[in-house]
Amino acid sequence: MIGDKRSYPRTTKILPYEVRRLPEHECKDLHCHESRDAIVIGKSLPLPVKDEQLNLWLHMLNAKLDYLISLTSEKKPESSLYVAFELVNISGSGMSLITKEAFQTGDMLEIKMILQAYPAKILYLYGEVVRVSASSHTSPIHIVGLKFIGMTNDVRDEILKLELKKKQEKPAKRKKTL
């Protein structure tokens, strides 16, 4: 694309995350970082596969894993993070996400994004809202564009690995169809 000023490749993925508007007193000295908090990926699960037997097995395995993780977690349950899977478009410098909450340009947001469930790898991302658009006049859904604030090289590297994983998955899918 002519005139594309993006410094980093972008990828679109379905990832579990949670968004919070930061109060003004929390907006100083923000630094994106990685954490190893206890997590529970809550209320919604990825879309079911077509095979009903496989769905039953996956549901059973998920329940067992949740139980085992709860036994081995050193953290108290109240420090767990409950999130749902949603679509994001992310790069090393910013992201766009879908939200029901109406944010304003200039708002500072904290995004807790889970990259893997166990051992938990959670990214705490901070960004300034640079764009907001409604998906339609009748829908409560908003598409929010963020510019990352306080991005560290370690966190940026984790985000860039998402794009590499996506590129590695595509050739594997093609081989299976031949």
Protein backbone atom coordinates (compact mmCIF):
# COMPACT_ATOMS: atom_id res chain seq x y z
CA MET A 1 0.00 0.00 0.00
CA ILE A 2 1.35 3.43 -0.95
CA GLY A 3 1.80 5.76 1.99
CA ASP A 4 1.61 3.05 4.65
CA LYS A 5 3.62 4.43 7.59
CA ARG A 6 3.43 1.36 9.83
CA SER A 7 6.69 0.33 11.44
CA TYR A 8 5.62 -3.18 12.43
CA PRO A 9 3.61 -5.95 10.80
CA ARG A 10 0.01 -6.34 11.99
CA THR A 11 -1.86 -9.54 12.74
CA THR A 12 -5.51 -10.23 13.44
CA LYS A 13 -6.20 -12.91 16.04
CA ILE A 14 -8.83 -14.02 18.49
CA LEU A 15 -7.24 -13.60 21.92
CA PRO A 16 -8.53 -13.32 25.47
CA TYR A 17 -8.25 -9.79 26.82
CA GLU A 18 -9.79 -7.29 29.21
CA VAL A 19 -9.87 -3.49 28.80
CA ARG A 20 -10.00 -0.84 31.51
CA ARG A 21 -10.04 2.97 31.22
CA LEU A 22 -7.29 4.36 33.43
CA PRO A 23 -8.17 7.14 35.85
CA GLU A 24 -6.02 10.24 35.41
CA HIS A 25 -3.94 9.56 38.55
CA GLU A 26 -2.78 6.19 37.06
CA CYS A 27 -1.63 7.64 33.72
CA LYS A 28 1.92 8.60 34.75
CA ASP A 29 5.01 6.45 34.09
CA LEU A 30 3.20 3.70 32.20
CA HIS A 31 5.34 0.76 31.07
CA CYS A 32 3.97 -2.24 29.22
CA HIS A 33 5.03 -5.46 30.94
CA GLU A 34 4.54 -9.19 31.16
CA SER A 35 3.11 -10.98 34.18
CA ARG A 36 2.64 -14.53 35.40
CA ASP A 37 -0.63 -14.00 37.33
CA ALA A 38 -3.10 -16.79 38.03
CA ILE A 39 -5.82 -16.77 35.40
CA VAL A 40 -9.17 -18.29 34.63
CA ILE A 41 -10.41 -17.86 31.09
CA GLY A 42 -13.99 -17.36 32.03
CA LYS A 43 -17.46 -17.01 30.73
CA SER A 44 -16.95 -17.64 27.04
CA LEU A 45 -14.95 -20.32 25.26
CA PRO A 46 -13.72 -20.48 21.67
CA LEU A 47 -16.31 -21.51 19.12
CA PRO A 48 -17.08 -25.25 19.18
CA VAL A 49 -15.75 -27.53 16.46
CA LYS A 50 -18.19 -29.38 14.20
CA ASP A 51 -17.52 -32.83 15.70
CA GLU A 52 -19.80 -33.16 18.77
CA GLN A 53 -17.74 -36.02 20.29
CA LEU A 54 -14.60 -33.90 20.03
CA ASN A 55 -16.46 -31.00 21.69
CA LEU A 56 -17.39 -33.24 24.63
CA TRP A 57 -13.78 -34.39 25.04
CA LEU A 58 -12.44 -30.84 24.81
CA HIS A 59 -14.98 -29.63 27.37
CA MET A 60 -13.98 -32.45 29.77
CA LEU A 61 -10.26 -31.73 29.30
CA ASN A 62 -10.86 -28.02 29.86
CA ALA A 63 -12.68 -28.73 33.14
CA LYS A 64 -9.86 -31.01 34.32
CA LEU A 65 -7.22 -28.45 33.38
CA ASP A 66 -9.09 -25.69 35.22
CA TYR A 67 -9.19 -27.91 38.30
CA LEU A 68 -5.47 -28.79 38.11
CA ILE A 69 -4.49 -25.17 37.57
CA SER A 70 -6.54 -24.13 40.60
CA LEU A 71 -4.70 -26.72 42.71
CA THR A 72 -1.23 -25.62 41.60
CA SER A 73 -1.81 -21.88 41.61
CA GLU A 74 0.16 -20.06 44.30
CA LYS A 75 -2.12 -17.05 44.03
CA LYS A 76 -5.46 -16.58 45.75
CA PRO A 77 -8.61 -16.89 43.61
CA GLU A 78 -9.37 -13.18 43.91
CA SER A 79 -6.19 -12.42 41.94
CA SER A 80 -7.43 -14.46 39.00
CA LEU A 81 -8.21 -12.71 35.77
CA TYR A 82 -11.53 -13.50 34.09
CA VAL A 83 -11.55 -12.65 30.40
CA ALA A 84 -13.37 -13.53 27.20
CA PHE A 85 -12.01 -14.24 23.72
CA GLU A 86 -12.32 -11.33 21.27
CA LEU A 87 -10.91 -10.27 17.91
CA VAL A 88 -7.91 -7.90 17.96
CA ASN A 89 -5.67 -6.43 15.30
CA ILE A 90 -2.26 -5.82 16.84
CA SER A 91 1.24 -4.68 15.94
CA GLY A 92 4.33 -3.59 17.84
CA SER A 93 3.11 0.00 17.99
CA GLY A 94 -0.65 -0.24 18.50
CA MET A 95 -3.83 -2.21 18.17
CA SER A 96 -7.50 -2.03 17.35
CA LEU A 97 -10.11 -3.89 19.33
CA ILE A 98 -13.85 -4.32 19.59
CA THR A 99 -15.61 -3.11 22.72
CA LYS A 100 -19.12 -2.41 23.97
CA GLU A 101 -17.85 0.50 26.06
CA ALA A 102 -17.73 3.88 24.34
CA PHE A 103 -14.24 5.31 24.75
CA GLN A 104 -13.15 8.79 23.65
CA THR A 105 -10.10 9.92 21.69
CA GLY A 106 -7.38 10.67 24.23
CA ASP A 107 -8.54 8.11 26.83
CA MET A 108 -5.75 6.01 28.33
CA LEU A 109 -6.51 2.28 28.49
CA GLU A 110 -4.96 -0.74 30.15
CA ILE A 111 -5.31 -4.00 28.22
CA LYS A 112 -4.65 -7.32 29.95
CA MET A 113 -4.04 -9.82 27.16
CA ILE A 114 -3.41 -13.52 27.69
CA LEU A 115 -0.95 -15.11 25.30
CA GLN A 116 -0.93 -18.55 26.87
CA ALA A 117 -2.95 -20.07 29.69
CA TYR A 118 -0.48 -22.28 31.53
CA PRO A 119 1.99 -21.24 32.63
CA ALA A 120 0.15 -17.95 32.34
CA LYS A 121 1.73 -15.29 30.17
CA ILE A 122 -0.21 -12.04 30.44
CA LEU A 123 0.73 -8.81 28.73
CA TYR A 124 -0.24 -5.53 30.36
CA LEU A 125 -0.46 -3.05 27.51
CA TYR A 126 -1.12 0.68 27.82
CA GLY A 127 -2.44 2.78 25.01
CA GLU A 128 -3.95 6.08 24.09
CA VAL A 129 -7.19 5.98 22.11
CA VAL A 130 -6.49 7.59 18.72
CA ARG A 131 -9.61 6.45 16.85
CA VAL A 132 -13.16 5.35 17.73
CA SER A 133 -15.82 4.22 15.28
CA ALA A 134 -19.19 2.54 15.76
CA SER A 135 -19.79 -0.66 13.80
CA SER A 136 -23.31 0.61 12.90
CA HIS A 137 -25.85 3.14 14.12
CA THR A 138 -27.94 0.50 15.88
CA SER A 139 -25.11 -1.59 17.35
CA PRO A 140 -23.55 -0.97 20.78
CA ILE A 141 -20.20 -2.21 19.40
CA HIS A 142 -17.28 0.21 18.95
CA ILE A 143 -13.96 -0.29 17.17
CA VAL A 144 -11.17 1.43 19.10
CA GLY A 145 -7.71 2.20 17.74
CA LEU A 146 -4.85 2.53 20.25
CA LYS A 147 -1.29 3.80 20.10
CA PHE A 148 0.85 1.99 22.68
CA ILE A 149 2.41 4.03 25.48
CA GLY A 150 5.47 2.85 27.44
CA MET A 151 6.17 -0.09 25.13
CA THR A 152 9.22 -2.14 26.12
CA ASN A 153 11.35 -4.24 23.76
CA ASP A 154 10.46 -7.46 25.62
CA VAL A 155 6.71 -6.90 25.30
CA ARG A 156 7.03 -5.76 21.67
CA ASP A 157 8.95 -8.97 20.93
CA GLU A 158 6.08 -11.03 22.41
CA ILE A 159 3.59 -9.19 20.19
CA LEU A 160 5.75 -9.66 17.09
CA LYS A 161 5.92 -13.41 17.83
CA LEU A 162 2.15 -13.52 17.26
CA GLU A 163 2.69 -12.53 13.62
CA LEU A 164 5.46 -15.12 13.24
CA LYS A 165 3.20 -17.85 14.64
CA LYS A 166 0.49 -16.86 12.15
CA LYS A 167 2.92 -17.12 9.22
CA GLN A 168 4.15 -20.53 10.43
CA GLU A 169 0.55 -21.84 10.70
CA LYS A 170 -0.36 -21.03 7.08
CA PRO A 171 2.19 -23.34 5.35
CA ALA A 172 1.23 -26.18 7.71
CA LYS A 173 -2.43 -25.84 6.66
CA ARG A 174 -1.51 -25.85 2.98
CA LYS A 175 0.50 -29.07 3.32
CA LYS A 176 -2.47 -30.89 4.83
CA THR A 177 -4.75 -29.97 1.92
CA LEU A 178 -2.41 -31.35 -0.77
